[in-house]
Amino acid sequence: MFRPCLPPRSDDSGYSISGSLSPELRDWASMELRGYEKSAELPSYRKVAAPLQIDGTVPGGITRHQTIGSMGIPDFARDAINEIVALRMGVREIHSMVDQHQKDHLVKLQLPEPQTSSRT
């Protein structure tokens, strides 16, 4: 069982993980609490399907929550932008997002930042 520590230290998630856990279980619990690094393998339950929707200005008005399919994304961007969302943040941030959207049941996430490639 995970319990909040009092007071939470500024350099950790604010949760205590028992020292009697196996190293694998301790690593998993730590990643769940603090979030998964980009280099870490993400469990399948943290990859969720979500529609890709945009808000924007178009000639003659404003569009909100316009759903676009994967074919509406340019070819060069389809690998990075799709309808699968990787939830890499810690459970505290996920819980906070859910709490903030109790009334509208709509959580908006930003697209991933473009990855830069170095040229030699």
N, C-alpha and C. Protein backbone atom coordinates (compact mmCIF):
# COMPACT_ATOMS: atom_id res chain seq x y z
N MET A 1 0.83 -1.17 0.00
CA MET A 1 0.00 0.00 0.00
C MET A 1 0.88 1.23 0.00
N PHE A 2 0.55 2.22 -0.80
CA PHE A 2 1.29 3.47 -0.85
C PHE A 2 0.58 4.49 0.03
N ARG A 3 1.35 5.18 0.85
CA ARG A 3 0.76 6.18 1.72
C ARG A 3 1.53 7.48 1.57
N PRO A 4 0.82 8.60 1.60
CA PRO A 4 1.53 9.88 1.54
C PRO A 4 2.46 10.04 2.74
N CYS A 5 3.64 10.57 2.48
CA CYS A 5 4.58 10.88 3.56
C CYS A 5 4.30 12.29 4.04
N LEU A 6 4.52 12.53 5.30
CA LEU A 6 4.36 13.88 5.83
C LEU A 6 5.66 14.30 6.47
N PRO A 7 6.25 15.39 6.11
CA PRO A 7 5.89 16.22 4.95
C PRO A 7 6.55 15.64 3.70
N PRO A 8 5.94 15.83 2.51
CA PRO A 8 6.57 15.34 1.29
C PRO A 8 7.84 16.11 1.00
N ARG A 9 8.86 15.41 0.59
CA ARG A 9 10.11 16.08 0.22
C ARG A 9 9.94 16.69 -1.15
N SER A 10 10.66 17.76 -1.41
CA SER A 10 10.52 18.46 -2.68
C SER A 10 11.11 17.68 -3.84
N ASP A 11 11.95 16.70 -3.57
CA ASP A 11 12.60 15.96 -4.65
C ASP A 11 11.96 14.61 -4.95
N ASP A 12 10.81 14.31 -4.34
CA ASP A 12 10.17 13.04 -4.67
C ASP A 12 8.66 13.23 -4.82
N SER A 13 7.97 12.16 -5.00
CA SER A 13 6.54 12.21 -5.29
C SER A 13 5.67 12.45 -4.06
N GLY A 14 6.26 12.36 -2.87
CA GLY A 14 5.46 12.50 -1.66
C GLY A 14 4.87 11.19 -1.18
N TYR A 15 5.27 10.08 -1.78
CA TYR A 15 4.78 8.76 -1.39
C TYR A 15 5.94 7.92 -0.88
N SER A 16 5.63 7.01 -0.01
CA SER A 16 6.62 6.11 0.55
C SER A 16 6.44 4.73 -0.07
N ILE A 17 7.55 4.11 -0.43
CA ILE A 17 7.51 2.76 -0.98
C ILE A 17 8.25 1.86 -0.01
N SER A 18 7.59 0.80 0.42
CA SER A 18 8.15 -0.11 1.40
C SER A 18 9.48 -0.68 0.93
N GLY A 19 10.42 -0.80 1.84
CA GLY A 19 11.74 -1.34 1.51
C GLY A 19 11.73 -2.84 1.29
N SER A 20 10.65 -3.55 1.60
CA SER A 20 10.61 -5.00 1.47
C SER A 20 10.16 -5.47 0.09
N LEU A 21 9.94 -4.55 -0.83
CA LEU A 21 9.49 -4.92 -2.17
C LEU A 21 10.66 -5.43 -3.00
N SER A 22 10.36 -6.25 -3.99
CA SER A 22 11.40 -6.70 -4.92
C SER A 22 11.88 -5.49 -5.72
N PRO A 23 13.10 -5.53 -6.24
CA PRO A 23 13.60 -4.40 -7.04
C PRO A 23 12.71 -4.08 -8.24
N GLU A 24 12.17 -5.11 -8.88
CA GLU A 24 11.31 -4.88 -10.05
C GLU A 24 10.02 -4.17 -9.64
N LEU A 25 9.42 -4.61 -8.55
CA LEU A 25 8.18 -3.98 -8.08
C LEU A 25 8.45 -2.56 -7.60
N ARG A 26 9.57 -2.36 -6.95
CA ARG A 26 9.94 -1.02 -6.48
C ARG A 26 10.16 -0.08 -7.66
N ASP A 27 10.84 -0.55 -8.72
CA ASP A 27 11.07 0.28 -9.91
C ASP A 27 9.74 0.63 -10.58
N TRP A 28 8.85 -0.36 -10.72
CA TRP A 28 7.55 -0.11 -11.33
C TRP A 28 6.76 0.92 -10.51
N ALA A 29 6.72 0.73 -9.19
CA ALA A 29 5.96 1.65 -8.33
C ALA A 29 6.56 3.05 -8.41
N SER A 30 7.85 3.14 -8.45
CA SER A 30 8.50 4.45 -8.56
C SER A 30 8.13 5.14 -9.86
N MET A 31 8.13 4.40 -10.98
CA MET A 31 7.76 5.00 -12.27
C MET A 31 6.29 5.39 -12.28
N GLU A 32 5.43 4.59 -11.67
CA GLU A 32 4.01 4.94 -11.61
C GLU A 32 3.82 6.23 -10.81
N LEU A 33 4.53 6.38 -9.73
CA LEU A 33 4.39 7.55 -8.88
C LEU A 33 5.02 8.80 -9.48
N ARG A 34 6.21 8.67 -10.02
CA ARG A 34 6.95 9.84 -10.50
C ARG A 34 6.77 10.11 -11.98
N GLY A 35 6.36 9.09 -12.73
CA GLY A 35 6.22 9.23 -14.17
C GLY A 35 7.30 8.43 -14.89
N TYR A 36 7.04 8.13 -16.15
CA TYR A 36 7.95 7.33 -16.97
C TYR A 36 8.82 8.23 -17.82
N GLU A 37 10.12 8.00 -17.79
CA GLU A 37 11.05 8.73 -18.65
C GLU A 37 10.76 8.37 -20.11
N LYS A 38 11.16 9.24 -21.03
CA LYS A 38 10.92 8.97 -22.45
C LYS A 38 11.61 7.69 -22.90
N SER A 39 12.73 7.36 -22.27
CA SER A 39 13.47 6.17 -22.67
C SER A 39 12.90 4.89 -22.06
N ALA A 40 12.02 5.02 -21.06
CA ALA A 40 11.46 3.85 -20.38
C ALA A 40 10.32 3.24 -21.19
N GLU A 41 10.24 1.91 -21.17
CA GLU A 41 9.14 1.23 -21.85
C GLU A 41 7.85 1.52 -21.09
N LEU A 42 6.83 1.91 -21.83
CA LEU A 42 5.55 2.29 -21.23
C LEU A 42 4.61 1.09 -21.24
N PRO A 43 4.01 0.74 -20.08
CA PRO A 43 3.05 -0.38 -20.05
C PRO A 43 1.85 -0.09 -20.96
N SER A 44 1.25 -1.14 -21.49
CA SER A 44 0.13 -0.98 -22.42
C SER A 44 -1.05 -0.24 -21.80
N TYR A 45 -1.27 -0.40 -20.49
CA TYR A 45 -2.41 0.29 -19.86
C TYR A 45 -2.20 1.80 -19.77
N ARG A 46 -1.01 2.28 -20.07
CA ARG A 46 -0.75 3.72 -20.09
C ARG A 46 -0.77 4.27 -21.51
N LYS A 47 -1.21 3.48 -22.45
CA LYS A 47 -1.40 3.93 -23.83
C LYS A 47 -2.90 3.86 -24.10
N VAL A 48 -3.52 5.02 -24.19
CA VAL A 48 -4.97 5.05 -24.32
C VAL A 48 -5.38 5.67 -25.66
N ALA A 49 -6.49 5.18 -26.18
CA ALA A 49 -7.03 5.72 -27.42
C ALA A 49 -7.82 6.99 -27.10
N ALA A 50 -7.59 8.01 -27.89
CA ALA A 50 -8.30 9.27 -27.70
C ALA A 50 -8.45 9.95 -29.05
N PRO A 51 -9.59 10.55 -29.32
CA PRO A 51 -9.75 11.24 -30.60
C PRO A 51 -8.83 12.46 -30.67
N LEU A 52 -8.33 12.72 -31.85
CA LEU A 52 -7.53 13.90 -32.08
C LEU A 52 -8.47 15.02 -32.49
N GLN A 53 -8.53 16.04 -31.67
CA GLN A 53 -9.44 17.17 -31.92
C GLN A 53 -8.66 18.47 -31.93
N ILE A 54 -9.14 19.40 -32.73
CA ILE A 54 -8.47 20.69 -32.82
C ILE A 54 -9.45 21.82 -32.52
N ASP A 55 -8.90 22.90 -32.02
CA ASP A 55 -9.61 24.17 -31.89
C ASP A 55 -8.86 25.12 -32.80
N GLY A 56 -9.54 25.95 -33.53
CA GLY A 56 -8.84 26.88 -34.39
C GLY A 56 -9.75 27.89 -35.05
N THR A 57 -9.10 28.82 -35.71
CA THR A 57 -9.81 29.86 -36.45
C THR A 57 -9.82 29.46 -37.92
N VAL A 58 -10.97 29.54 -38.51
CA VAL A 58 -11.14 29.25 -39.94
C VAL A 58 -11.83 30.46 -40.57
N PRO A 59 -11.72 30.61 -41.89
CA PRO A 59 -12.43 31.73 -42.51
C PRO A 59 -13.91 31.69 -42.13
N GLY A 60 -14.37 32.77 -41.55
CA GLY A 60 -15.78 32.86 -41.20
C GLY A 60 -16.12 32.39 -39.81
N GLY A 61 -15.14 32.02 -39.00
CA GLY A 61 -15.51 31.61 -37.65
C GLY A 61 -14.42 30.88 -36.90
N ILE A 62 -14.86 30.27 -35.82
CA ILE A 62 -13.96 29.52 -34.94
C ILE A 62 -14.51 28.10 -34.84
N THR A 63 -13.61 27.14 -34.88
CA THR A 63 -14.02 25.74 -34.72
C THR A 63 -13.47 25.23 -33.39
N ARG A 64 -14.28 24.46 -32.70
CA ARG A 64 -13.86 23.88 -31.42
C ARG A 64 -14.19 22.39 -31.44
N HIS A 65 -13.27 21.62 -30.89
CA HIS A 65 -13.45 20.18 -30.74
C HIS A 65 -13.70 19.48 -32.08
N GLN A 66 -13.08 19.96 -33.14
CA GLN A 66 -13.22 19.35 -34.46
C GLN A 66 -12.36 18.10 -34.51
N THR A 67 -12.99 16.95 -34.66
CA THR A 67 -12.26 15.69 -34.73
C THR A 67 -11.66 15.51 -36.11
N ILE A 68 -10.40 15.12 -36.14
CA ILE A 68 -9.75 14.80 -37.41
C ILE A 68 -9.21 13.39 -37.32
N GLY A 69 -9.33 12.66 -38.39
CA GLY A 69 -8.84 11.29 -38.45
C GLY A 69 -7.37 11.25 -38.79
N SER A 70 -6.79 10.08 -38.71
CA SER A 70 -5.36 9.94 -38.99
C SER A 70 -5.01 10.32 -40.42
N MET A 71 -5.95 10.19 -41.34
CA MET A 71 -5.68 10.56 -42.73
C MET A 71 -5.65 12.08 -42.90
N GLY A 72 -6.13 12.83 -41.92
CA GLY A 72 -6.09 14.27 -41.97
C GLY A 72 -4.77 14.84 -41.48
N ILE A 73 -3.89 13.97 -41.02
CA ILE A 73 -2.57 14.39 -40.54
C ILE A 73 -1.57 14.21 -41.69
N PRO A 74 -0.72 15.20 -41.95
CA PRO A 74 0.27 15.05 -43.02
C PRO A 74 1.14 13.81 -42.82
N ASP A 75 1.57 13.20 -43.91
CA ASP A 75 2.36 11.97 -43.86
C ASP A 75 3.56 12.08 -42.93
N PHE A 76 4.28 13.20 -42.99
CA PHE A 76 5.51 13.33 -42.21
C PHE A 76 5.24 13.36 -40.70
N ALA A 77 4.02 13.63 -40.29
CA ALA A 77 3.71 13.76 -38.87
C ALA A 77 2.95 12.56 -38.30
N ARG A 78 2.56 11.61 -39.11
CA ARG A 78 1.71 10.50 -38.64
C ARG A 78 2.37 9.61 -37.60
N ASP A 79 3.69 9.48 -37.65
CA ASP A 79 4.35 8.63 -36.65
C ASP A 79 4.31 9.27 -35.27
N ALA A 80 4.40 10.59 -35.22
CA ALA A 80 4.45 11.30 -33.94
C ALA A 80 3.06 11.68 -33.43
N ILE A 81 2.11 11.87 -34.33
CA ILE A 81 0.78 12.33 -33.94
C ILE A 81 -0.24 11.29 -34.40
N ASN A 82 -0.91 10.68 -33.47
CA ASN A 82 -1.94 9.70 -33.80
C ASN A 82 -2.99 9.69 -32.70
N GLU A 83 -3.85 8.72 -32.72
CA GLU A 83 -4.96 8.67 -31.76
C GLU A 83 -4.65 7.84 -30.52
N ILE A 84 -3.37 7.57 -30.29
CA ILE A 84 -2.94 6.87 -29.09
C ILE A 84 -2.16 7.87 -28.23
N VAL A 85 -2.56 8.01 -26.98
CA VAL A 85 -1.92 8.95 -26.07
C VAL A 85 -1.10 8.16 -25.06
N ALA A 86 0.18 8.50 -24.96
CA ALA A 86 1.07 7.88 -23.98
C ALA A 86 1.02 8.71 -22.70
N LEU A 87 0.53 8.11 -21.64
CA LEU A 87 0.42 8.81 -20.36
C LEU A 87 1.68 8.53 -19.54
N ARG A 88 2.69 9.36 -19.70
CA ARG A 88 3.98 9.18 -19.04
C ARG A 88 4.06 9.88 -17.69
N MET A 89 3.12 10.75 -17.37
CA MET A 89 3.18 11.49 -16.11
C MET A 89 2.86 10.58 -14.92
N GLY A 90 3.24 11.05 -13.74
CA GLY A 90 2.99 10.29 -12.52
C GLY A 90 1.52 10.27 -12.16
N VAL A 91 1.15 9.36 -11.27
CA VAL A 91 -0.26 9.20 -10.90
C VAL A 91 -0.84 10.45 -10.26
N ARG A 92 -0.03 11.22 -9.57
CA ARG A 92 -0.53 12.45 -8.95
C ARG A 92 -1.01 13.42 -10.03
N GLU A 93 -0.26 13.56 -11.11
CA GLU A 93 -0.67 14.47 -12.20
C GLU A 93 -1.90 13.93 -12.92
N ILE A 94 -1.98 12.63 -13.13
CA ILE A 94 -3.16 12.04 -13.76
C ILE A 94 -4.39 12.28 -12.87
N HIS A 95 -4.24 12.04 -11.59
CA HIS A 95 -5.34 12.25 -10.64
C HIS A 95 -5.78 13.71 -10.65
N SER A 96 -4.83 14.61 -10.71
CA SER A 96 -5.14 16.04 -10.73
C SER A 96 -5.93 16.40 -12.00
N MET A 97 -5.54 15.85 -13.15
CA MET A 97 -6.27 16.11 -14.39
C MET A 97 -7.72 15.64 -14.29
N VAL A 98 -7.91 14.46 -13.74
CA VAL A 98 -9.26 13.91 -13.59
C VAL A 98 -10.08 14.78 -12.65
N ASP A 99 -9.47 15.18 -11.52
CA ASP A 99 -10.18 16.04 -10.56
C ASP A 99 -10.60 17.37 -11.17
N GLN A 100 -9.75 17.95 -12.00
CA GLN A 100 -10.04 19.25 -12.60
C GLN A 100 -11.18 19.19 -13.61
N HIS A 101 -11.48 18.01 -14.10
CA HIS A 101 -12.49 17.89 -15.16
C HIS A 101 -13.67 17.01 -14.75
N GLN A 102 -14.02 17.06 -13.46
CA GLN A 102 -15.15 16.27 -12.97
C GLN A 102 -16.46 16.66 -13.64
N LYS A 103 -16.64 17.96 -13.91
CA LYS A 103 -17.92 18.42 -14.46
C LYS A 103 -18.03 18.18 -15.96
N ASP A 104 -16.98 18.51 -16.72
CA ASP A 104 -17.09 18.41 -18.18
C ASP A 104 -16.61 17.08 -18.74
N HIS A 105 -15.94 16.26 -17.94
CA HIS A 105 -15.45 14.94 -18.36
C HIS A 105 -14.60 15.02 -19.63
N LEU A 106 -13.86 16.11 -19.79
CA LEU A 106 -13.06 16.33 -20.98
C LEU A 106 -11.67 16.77 -20.56
N VAL A 107 -10.68 15.93 -20.80
CA VAL A 107 -9.30 16.27 -20.48
C VAL A 107 -8.59 16.59 -21.78
N LYS A 108 -8.01 17.78 -21.84
CA LYS A 108 -7.29 18.19 -23.04
C LYS A 108 -5.80 18.03 -22.80
N LEU A 109 -5.14 17.38 -23.73
CA LEU A 109 -3.70 17.19 -23.66
C LEU A 109 -3.06 17.84 -24.87
N GLN A 110 -1.85 18.32 -24.70
CA GLN A 110 -1.11 18.92 -25.80
C GLN A 110 -0.47 17.82 -26.64
N LEU A 111 -0.23 18.14 -27.90
CA LEU A 111 0.50 17.21 -28.76
C LEU A 111 1.93 17.08 -28.24
N PRO A 112 2.57 15.95 -28.52
CA PRO A 112 3.95 15.80 -28.06
C PRO A 112 4.85 16.82 -28.74
N GLU A 113 5.92 17.20 -28.01
CA GLU A 113 6.87 18.13 -28.59
C GLU A 113 7.63 17.43 -29.71
N PRO A 114 7.93 18.17 -30.78
CA PRO A 114 8.69 17.54 -31.87
C PRO A 114 10.07 17.13 -31.39
N GLN A 115 10.51 15.99 -31.88
CA GLN A 115 11.84 15.53 -31.52
C GLN A 115 12.84 16.14 -32.49
N THR A 116 13.92 16.61 -31.93
CA THR A 116 14.94 17.22 -32.77
C THR A 116 15.97 16.18 -33.13
N SER A 117 16.48 16.29 -34.32
CA SER A 117 17.53 15.36 -34.74
C SER A 117 18.78 16.17 -35.00
N SER A 118 19.90 15.62 -34.59
CA SER A 118 21.16 16.32 -34.82
C SER A 118 21.76 15.84 -36.11
N ARG A 119 22.28 16.78 -36.86
CA ARG A 119 22.93 16.44 -38.13
C ARG A 119 24.43 16.59 -37.96
N THR A 120 25.15 15.64 -38.51
CA THR A 120 26.60 15.71 -38.42
C THR A 120 27.22 16.02 -39.74
